[in-house]
């Protein structure tokens, strides 16, 4: 029998808390997203602090005496450090094999197949920064109508197009074609539409980005929620990450993290029963990859203010979990994600507080807690009944 009618799961995209033991295998040295941003004068997070963020193992910077939340440090079991694999593990799937990446660009065979099906030429075909690629190739794109195809260190194929050359719907159509081609051994985690506007040299990417994700290869806790007639609401790019699977209601984010939190706060007025799964991507997309420490820190400060409003609105039968999906240390070299532990904060008005669960070996503990709460017939890769049972002992 469920103890909480509503679970709110908020993913602070890329807010890692220190390199994992195998970080070197993933091309990373010492990295710590939280440490980098917490040194900024723009960082102020009293609500996260009082919930226990700085009491987590390995963080321990100015821990509070009596944290209101329960907390743990989660290590990724999957072989990756990207958004797709991170979220899938949160939802209960361990990915034993990494998704394919293309550090030298896509093979000619793939490019030829894409061009044939697009009926358009492709330019670039290199790992590239999203803002730099439209600066360097935007004029050629406008002149020739060729599509800008590029990748990154992540398992992605990205297609950029100016909205005056191709409508957003046309760009989405090309991405859907690419999604059908990029399967099997070439099954990248995401095909990403990157529309942009403006004139050279002041091109700007728009908020009409859209991700076309690889479908999860096994059942997730979201599938189980939907199958059992619970609500499974996605805010932000959750719908995209899971290719729509297991989602009963989709609320995208049109502008920024604050738009996502506004939608989440509005949902708190609704009497749904199930999960509200939120992804706040600005931390990663706008600041982590661009190695903008102050920008990242300020974004956390803004979120923390909104978190304060969220905490005030929580009902007795609400459970809040805050986590991340990987790291993207703005103080590290390069522009890529970083292989880091992530935080887990668990808070509810009816549960115990201040419990430190130490370091746990997988993100999938989160799916286990969700499954336990709603009594789902879902077997998470690792079962953590002791966590759920120990924190709900105050529940009536």
Protein backbone atom coordinates (compact mmCIF):
# COMPACT_ATOMS: atom_id res chain seq x y z
CA UNK A 1 0.00 0.00 0.00
CA UNK A 2 1.43 3.36 -1.04
CA UNK A 3 2.73 5.71 1.64
CA UNK A 4 2.97 8.78 -0.58
CA UNK A 5 0.42 9.79 -3.20
CA UNK A 6 2.90 11.95 -5.08
CA UNK A 7 6.62 11.60 -5.62
CA UNK A 8 8.51 14.52 -7.12
CA UNK A 9 11.87 13.52 -8.62
CA UNK A 10 14.00 16.49 -9.70
CA UNK A 11 17.15 15.88 -11.73
CA UNK A 12 19.66 18.73 -11.56
CA UNK A 13 21.17 17.81 -14.90
CA UNK A 14 24.96 17.32 -14.51
CA UNK A 15 25.32 18.34 -10.85
CA UNK A 16 27.95 15.74 -9.96
CA UNK A 17 29.69 15.67 -6.57
CA UNK A 18 33.12 14.22 -7.31
CA UNK A 19 34.89 11.85 -9.66
CA UNK A 20 34.09 8.16 -9.48
CA UNK A 21 36.91 5.59 -9.07
CA UNK A 22 36.77 4.69 -12.78
CA UNK A 23 36.74 8.30 -14.04
CA UNK A 24 40.07 7.86 -15.81
CA UNK A 25 38.54 5.11 -17.96
CA UNK A 26 36.09 7.74 -19.22
CA UNK A 27 38.76 10.30 -20.00
CA UNK A 28 38.43 12.26 -16.77
CA UNK A 29 40.86 13.09 -14.03
CA UNK A 30 39.91 14.82 -10.80
CA UNK A 31 36.53 16.45 -11.33
CA UNK A 32 33.85 17.78 -9.00
CA UNK A 33 31.02 19.89 -10.36
CA UNK A 34 29.64 20.90 -6.96
CA UNK A 35 33.07 21.84 -5.63
CA UNK A 36 33.79 24.01 -8.66
CA UNK A 37 30.56 25.98 -8.49
CA UNK A 38 30.42 26.30 -4.70
CA UNK A 39 33.62 28.37 -4.82
CA UNK A 40 31.80 31.02 -6.87
CA UNK A 41 30.48 34.18 -5.24
CA UNK A 42 27.28 33.54 -7.24
CA UNK A 43 26.60 30.33 -5.30
CA UNK A 44 24.03 30.50 -2.49
CA UNK A 45 21.98 27.40 -1.71
CA UNK A 46 20.57 27.49 1.83
CA UNK A 47 17.68 25.12 1.06
CA UNK A 48 19.85 22.44 -0.50
CA UNK A 49 22.26 22.89 2.38
CA UNK A 50 19.64 22.41 5.09
CA UNK A 51 18.34 19.32 3.28
CA UNK A 52 21.81 17.81 3.61
CA UNK A 53 23.64 18.34 0.30
CA UNK A 54 26.92 19.15 2.06
CA UNK A 55 26.52 16.26 4.52
CA UNK A 56 26.86 13.67 1.74
CA UNK A 57 29.93 11.43 1.82
CA UNK A 58 32.85 13.02 -0.01
CA UNK A 59 31.27 16.49 -0.02
CA UNK A 60 31.44 17.47 3.64
CA UNK A 61 31.94 21.18 3.12
CA UNK A 62 30.19 23.09 5.90
CA UNK A 63 27.75 20.26 6.77
CA UNK A 64 24.71 21.24 8.83
CA UNK A 65 24.14 19.77 12.27
CA UNK A 66 20.59 18.51 11.81
CA UNK A 67 19.83 18.11 8.09
CA UNK A 68 16.13 17.95 7.23
CA UNK A 69 16.58 15.38 4.49
CA UNK A 70 18.00 11.90 4.14
CA UNK A 71 20.89 11.59 1.74
CA UNK A 72 23.31 9.34 -0.10
CA UNK A 73 26.09 9.42 -2.68
CA UNK A 74 25.21 7.35 -5.76
CA UNK A 75 27.76 5.72 -8.06
CA UNK A 76 26.84 4.95 -11.65
CA UNK A 77 26.79 1.26 -12.54
CA UNK A 78 26.21 1.82 -16.26
CA UNK A 79 29.04 2.24 -18.72
CA UNK A 80 28.53 5.86 -19.61
CA UNK A 81 28.38 9.44 -18.43
CA UNK A 82 25.59 10.83 -20.58
CA UNK A 83 22.03 11.98 -20.07
CA UNK A 84 20.32 8.97 -21.63
CA UNK A 85 22.21 6.27 -19.74
CA UNK A 86 22.05 8.28 -16.49
CA UNK A 87 18.27 8.71 -16.63
CA UNK A 88 17.71 5.13 -17.70
CA UNK A 89 19.66 3.95 -14.67
CA UNK A 90 17.61 6.25 -12.41
CA UNK A 91 14.53 4.54 -13.88
CA UNK A 92 15.91 1.04 -13.32
CA UNK A 93 18.03 0.02 -16.33
CA UNK A 94 21.73 -0.77 -16.03
CA UNK A 95 23.51 -0.30 -19.39
CA UNK A 96 26.42 -2.72 -19.49
CA UNK A 97 27.65 -1.44 -22.85
CA UNK A 98 28.32 2.22 -23.64
CA UNK A 99 26.29 3.89 -26.35
CA UNK A 100 28.36 4.53 -29.50
CA UNK A 101 30.30 7.76 -29.87
CA UNK A 102 32.04 9.22 -32.91
CA UNK A 103 35.10 11.25 -31.88
CA UNK A 104 36.25 11.48 -35.53
CA UNK A 105 32.82 12.18 -36.99
CA UNK A 106 30.43 9.68 -38.54
CA UNK A 107 31.70 7.12 -41.07
CA UNK A 108 31.17 7.90 -44.73
CA UNK A 109 28.70 5.02 -45.03
CA UNK A 110 26.43 6.63 -42.43
CA UNK A 111 26.74 10.10 -43.99
CA UNK A 112 25.88 8.70 -47.44
CA UNK A 113 22.84 6.91 -46.04
CA UNK A 114 21.67 10.08 -44.28
CA UNK A 115 22.15 12.23 -47.40
CA UNK A 116 20.28 9.70 -49.52
CA UNK A 117 17.30 9.69 -47.17
CA UNK A 118 17.37 13.44 -46.48
CA UNK A 119 17.70 14.35 -50.14
CA UNK A 120 20.14 17.00 -48.86
CA UNK A 121 23.89 17.39 -48.56
CA UNK A 122 25.55 17.29 -45.15
CA UNK A 123 28.27 19.65 -43.95
CA UNK A 124 30.59 19.59 -40.91
CA UNK A 125 30.43 15.98 -39.61
CA UNK A 126 32.77 16.64 -36.69
CA UNK A 127 32.55 16.86 -32.91
CA UNK A 128 31.70 20.51 -32.31
CA UNK A 129 30.39 23.03 -29.82
CA UNK A 130 26.78 23.85 -30.66
CA UNK A 131 27.34 27.60 -30.67
CA UNK A 132 30.61 27.40 -32.59
CA UNK A 133 29.23 25.08 -35.26
CA UNK A 134 26.51 27.48 -36.38
CA UNK A 135 29.02 30.33 -36.42
CA UNK A 136 31.45 28.34 -38.57
CA UNK A 137 28.96 26.61 -40.88
CA UNK A 138 25.84 28.79 -40.72
CA UNK A 139 26.66 30.87 -43.78
CA UNK A 140 27.38 27.82 -45.94
CA UNK A 141 24.14 26.28 -44.70
CA UNK A 142 22.17 29.39 -45.65
CA UNK A 143 23.81 29.58 -49.05
CA UNK A 144 23.52 25.90 -50.04
CA UNK A 145 20.69 24.48 -47.95
CA UNK A 146 23.02 21.71 -46.71
CA UNK A 147 22.22 20.40 -43.23
CA UNK A 148 24.76 20.88 -40.44
CA UNK A 149 25.37 17.47 -38.88
CA UNK A 150 27.73 17.21 -35.93
CA UNK A 151 28.38 15.25 -32.76
CA UNK A 152 30.17 15.61 -29.42
CA UNK A 153 31.84 13.41 -26.85
CA UNK A 154 28.33 12.16 -26.00
CA UNK A 155 26.39 9.54 -27.94
CA UNK A 156 24.54 12.04 -30.12
CA UNK A 157 23.90 13.03 -33.71
CA UNK A 158 22.88 16.68 -33.90
CA UNK A 159 21.30 18.46 -36.85
CA UNK A 160 21.35 22.26 -36.96
CA UNK A 161 19.28 24.31 -39.39
CA UNK A 162 18.26 27.96 -39.67
CA UNK A 163 14.53 28.41 -39.17
CA UNK A 164 14.24 30.57 -42.29
CA UNK A 165 15.82 27.78 -44.39
CA UNK A 166 13.93 24.86 -42.86
CA UNK A 167 10.92 25.14 -40.59
CA UNK A 168 11.18 23.51 -37.20
CA UNK A 169 8.78 20.79 -38.37
CA UNK A 170 11.02 20.09 -41.37
CA UNK A 171 14.05 19.84 -39.11
CA UNK A 172 12.17 17.43 -36.85
CA UNK A 173 11.32 15.35 -39.93
CA UNK A 174 15.01 15.00 -40.80
CA UNK A 175 15.74 14.00 -37.19
CA UNK A 176 13.05 11.31 -37.32
CA UNK A 177 14.65 9.95 -40.51
CA UNK A 178 18.05 9.92 -38.80
CA UNK A 179 16.57 8.17 -35.77
CA UNK A 180 15.42 5.26 -38.00
CA UNK A 181 18.89 4.99 -39.52
CA UNK A 182 20.91 5.28 -36.29
CA UNK A 183 19.95 1.95 -34.74
CA UNK A 184 21.72 -1.29 -33.79
CA UNK A 185 25.47 -0.81 -33.42
CA UNK A 186 25.01 2.80 -34.57
CA UNK A 187 22.20 3.44 -32.08
CA UNK A 188 23.27 6.76 -30.60
CA UNK A 189 21.44 7.80 -27.47
CA UNK A 190 19.90 10.90 -28.99
CA UNK A 191 19.24 12.59 -32.31
CA UNK A 192 19.01 16.28 -31.44
CA UNK A 193 17.29 18.98 -33.51
CA UNK A 194 19.15 22.29 -33.13
CA UNK A 195 17.19 25.11 -34.79
CA UNK A 196 18.74 28.57 -34.86
CA UNK A 197 17.86 32.09 -35.98
CA UNK A 198 19.53 35.42 -36.68
CA UNK A 199 22.23 36.67 -39.01
CA UNK A 200 25.94 35.95 -39.14
CA UNK A 201 27.90 36.47 -36.92
CA UNK A 202 25.08 36.71 -34.37
CA UNK A 203 23.29 33.42 -34.85
CA UNK A 204 21.29 32.21 -31.84
CA UNK A 205 20.02 28.74 -30.97
CA UNK A 206 16.35 28.68 -30.05
CA UNK A 207 14.36 26.89 -27.35
CA UNK A 208 12.75 24.68 -30.02
CA UNK A 209 15.47 22.07 -29.61
CA UNK A 210 14.04 18.56 -29.54
CA UNK A 211 15.63 15.22 -28.65
CA UNK A 212 14.70 11.98 -30.42
CA UNK A 213 15.98 9.32 -28.07
CA UNK A 214 16.76 5.67 -28.44
CA UNK A 215 13.94 3.67 -26.88
CA UNK A 216 14.89 1.99 -23.58
CA UNK A 217 15.89 -1.65 -24.12
CA UNK A 218 14.07 -2.92 -21.02
CA UNK A 219 11.14 -2.03 -18.79
CA UNK A 220 11.57 1.04 -16.61
CA UNK A 221 9.74 2.01 -13.45
CA UNK A 222 7.90 4.56 -15.61
CA UNK A 223 6.49 1.73 -17.75
CA UNK A 224 5.39 -0.04 -14.56
CA UNK A 225 3.71 3.09 -13.19
CA UNK A 226 1.75 3.61 -16.39
CA UNK A 227 0.81 -0.09 -16.64
CA UNK A 228 -0.58 0.08 -13.11
CA UNK A 229 -2.64 3.21 -13.82
CA UNK A 230 -0.52 5.64 -11.83
CA UNK A 231 0.39 9.06 -13.19
CA UNK A 232 3.85 9.36 -14.71
CA UNK A 233 4.39 13.02 -15.55
CA UNK A 234 7.47 14.26 -17.38
CA UNK A 235 8.65 17.87 -17.04
CA UNK A 236 11.41 19.10 -19.34
CA UNK A 237 13.07 16.57 -21.63
CA UNK A 238 11.97 13.45 -19.72
CA UNK A 239 9.56 12.52 -22.51
CA UNK A 240 12.38 12.80 -25.04
CA UNK A 241 14.88 10.81 -22.96
CA UNK A 242 12.51 7.85 -22.70
CA UNK A 243 11.17 8.19 -26.26
CA UNK A 244 7.75 8.81 -24.73
CA UNK A 245 7.64 5.41 -23.05
CA UNK A 246 5.94 5.23 -19.68
CA UNK A 247 4.86 8.89 -19.73
CA UNK A 248 1.19 9.70 -19.13
CA UNK A 249 1.55 13.48 -19.35
CA UNK A 250 4.29 15.56 -20.96
CA UNK A 251 5.15 19.12 -19.93
CA UNK A 252 8.13 20.38 -21.89
CA UNK A 253 10.21 23.37 -20.88
CA UNK A 254 9.93 26.24 -23.30
CA UNK A 255 12.45 28.67 -21.86
CA UNK A 256 14.73 27.71 -18.98
CA UNK A 257 15.00 25.94 -15.64
CA UNK A 258 12.64 28.45 -14.04
CA UNK A 259 9.98 27.57 -16.59
CA UNK A 260 10.40 23.94 -15.56
CA UNK A 261 10.09 24.78 -11.89
CA UNK A 262 7.04 26.95 -12.59
CA UNK A 263 5.35 24.00 -14.29
CA UNK A 264 6.33 21.77 -11.37
CA UNK A 265 4.98 24.23 -8.81
CA UNK A 266 1.72 24.43 -10.77
CA UNK A 267 1.49 20.63 -10.73
CA UNK A 268 1.61 20.76 -6.95
CA UNK A 269 -1.93 22.19 -7.08
CA UNK A 270 -3.18 19.06 -8.89
CA UNK A 271 -4.44 15.91 -7.21
CA UNK A 272 -2.47 13.38 -9.23
CA UNK A 273 -1.28 10.06 -7.86
CA UNK A 274 2.12 8.88 -9.04
CA UNK A 275 5.41 10.38 -10.16
CA UNK A 276 6.40 13.84 -11.38
CA UNK A 277 9.83 13.40 -13.03
CA UNK A 278 11.61 16.71 -13.70
CA UNK A 279 14.76 17.42 -15.69
CA UNK A 280 16.39 20.86 -15.40
CA UNK A 281 18.83 20.95 -18.30
CA UNK A 282 20.26 24.48 -18.09
CA UNK A 283 22.94 23.45 -15.60
CA UNK A 284 24.41 21.10 -18.20
CA UNK A 285 23.53 22.69 -21.53
CA UNK A 286 24.06 26.37 -20.80
CA UNK A 287 26.79 26.30 -18.17
CA UNK A 288 28.51 22.95 -17.70
CA UNK A 289 29.47 22.36 -21.32
CA UNK A 290 30.43 26.01 -21.70
CA UNK A 291 32.62 25.77 -18.58
CA UNK A 292 30.84 28.77 -17.06
CA UNK A 293 31.40 28.41 -13.31
CA UNK A 294 29.62 31.61 -12.28
CA UNK A 295 26.71 30.95 -14.62
CA UNK A 296 26.28 27.44 -13.23
CA UNK A 297 26.53 28.68 -9.65
CA UNK A 298 23.95 31.39 -10.28
CA UNK A 299 21.57 28.84 -11.86
CA UNK A 300 21.80 26.72 -8.69
CA UNK A 301 21.11 29.82 -6.59
CA UNK A 302 17.96 30.53 -8.61
CA UNK A 303 16.84 26.91 -8.33
CA UNK A 304 17.42 26.99 -4.58
CA UNK A 305 15.08 29.96 -4.24
CA UNK A 306 12.42 28.05 -6.20
CA UNK A 307 13.08 24.98 -4.07
CA UNK A 308 12.19 27.05 -1.02
CA UNK A 309 8.77 27.76 -2.56
CA UNK A 310 8.43 24.07 -3.45
CA UNK A 311 9.13 22.97 0.14
CA UNK A 312 6.45 25.33 1.47
CA UNK A 313 3.86 23.86 -0.90
CA UNK A 314 4.58 20.20 -0.13
CA UNK A 315 1.70 18.15 1.24
CA UNK A 316 2.02 15.57 3.99
CA UNK A 317 1.68 12.79 1.40
CA UNK A 318 4.40 14.17 -0.91
CA UNK A 319 7.92 12.77 -1.22
CA UNK A 320 10.75 14.77 -2.81
CA UNK A 321 13.90 13.27 -4.28
CA UNK A 322 16.67 15.44 -5.77
CA UNK A 323 19.49 13.90 -7.79
CA UNK A 324 21.61 14.26 -10.95
CA UNK A 325 22.37 12.10 -14.00
CA UNK A 326 26.17 12.65 -14.42
CA UNK A 327 28.69 15.44 -13.94
CA UNK A 328 29.76 18.31 -16.17
CA UNK A 329 32.40 20.08 -14.13
CA UNK A 330 32.78 23.65 -15.40
CA UNK A 331 36.20 23.73 -13.74
CA UNK A 332 37.51 20.72 -15.68
CA UNK A 333 39.40 20.81 -18.99
CA UNK A 334 37.46 20.43 -22.24
CA UNK A 335 33.70 20.72 -22.69
CA UNK A 336 32.49 17.17 -22.04
CA UNK A 337 30.50 15.48 -19.30
CA UNK A 338 32.49 14.16 -16.34
CA UNK A 339 32.18 10.74 -14.69
CA UNK A 340 31.02 11.66 -11.19
CA UNK A 341 29.04 10.45 -8.23
CA UNK A 342 25.65 12.14 -7.93
CA UNK A 343 23.70 13.26 -4.86
CA UNK A 344 20.45 11.79 -3.65
CA UNK A 345 18.37 13.85 -1.23
CA UNK A 346 15.10 12.42 0.08
CA UNK A 347 12.64 14.64 1.98
CA UNK A 348 9.06 14.44 3.16
CA UNK A 349 7.11 15.95 6.02
CA UNK A 350 6.14 12.52 7.37
CA UNK A 351 9.51 10.80 7.23
CA UNK A 352 12.59 10.63 9.38
CA UNK A 353 15.37 13.09 8.70
CA UNK A 354 19.14 13.20 8.88
CA UNK A 355 19.86 9.62 7.77
CA UNK A 356 23.12 9.22 5.83
CA UNK A 357 22.96 6.11 3.62
CA UNK A 358 26.61 6.49 2.64
CA UNK A 359 27.73 5.53 -0.87
CA UNK A 360 25.38 3.29 -2.86
CA UNK A 361 26.46 1.41 -6.01
CA UNK A 362 23.81 2.52 -8.48
CA UNK A 363 21.42 5.31 -9.44
CA UNK A 364 18.67 2.67 -9.66
CA UNK A 365 18.06 2.93 -5.91
CA UNK A 366 15.66 5.70 -6.98
CA UNK A 367 13.54 3.35 -9.08
CA UNK A 368 13.50 0.91 -6.18
CA UNK A 369 12.10 3.57 -3.83
CA UNK A 370 9.40 4.49 -6.36
CA UNK A 371 8.47 0.83 -6.88
CA UNK A 372 8.32 0.22 -3.13
CA UNK A 373 6.10 3.22 -2.53
CA UNK A 374 3.52 2.28 -5.15
CA UNK A 375 3.82 -1.48 -4.53
CA UNK A 376 4.78 -2.11 -8.15
CA UNK A 377 5.72 -5.48 -9.55
CA UNK A 378 8.99 -4.02 -10.79
CA UNK A 379 12.38 -5.49 -10.03
CA UNK A 380 15.01 -2.78 -9.88
CA UNK A 381 18.59 -4.00 -10.53
CA UNK A 382 19.32 -3.44 -6.85
CA UNK A 383 16.66 -3.61 -4.17
CA UNK A 384 16.88 -1.13 -1.29
CA UNK A 385 13.85 -1.92 0.82
CA UNK A 386 15.88 -1.01 3.90
CA UNK A 387 16.16 2.59 2.72
CA UNK A 388 12.48 3.00 2.03
CA UNK A 389 11.35 1.19 5.16
CA UNK A 390 13.76 3.06 7.42
CA UNK A 391 12.67 6.51 6.33
CA UNK A 392 8.92 5.90 6.33
CA UNK A 393 8.69 4.47 9.82
CA UNK A 394 7.01 7.69 10.96
CA UNK A 395 4.25 7.27 8.37
CA UNK A 396 0.86 6.30 9.66
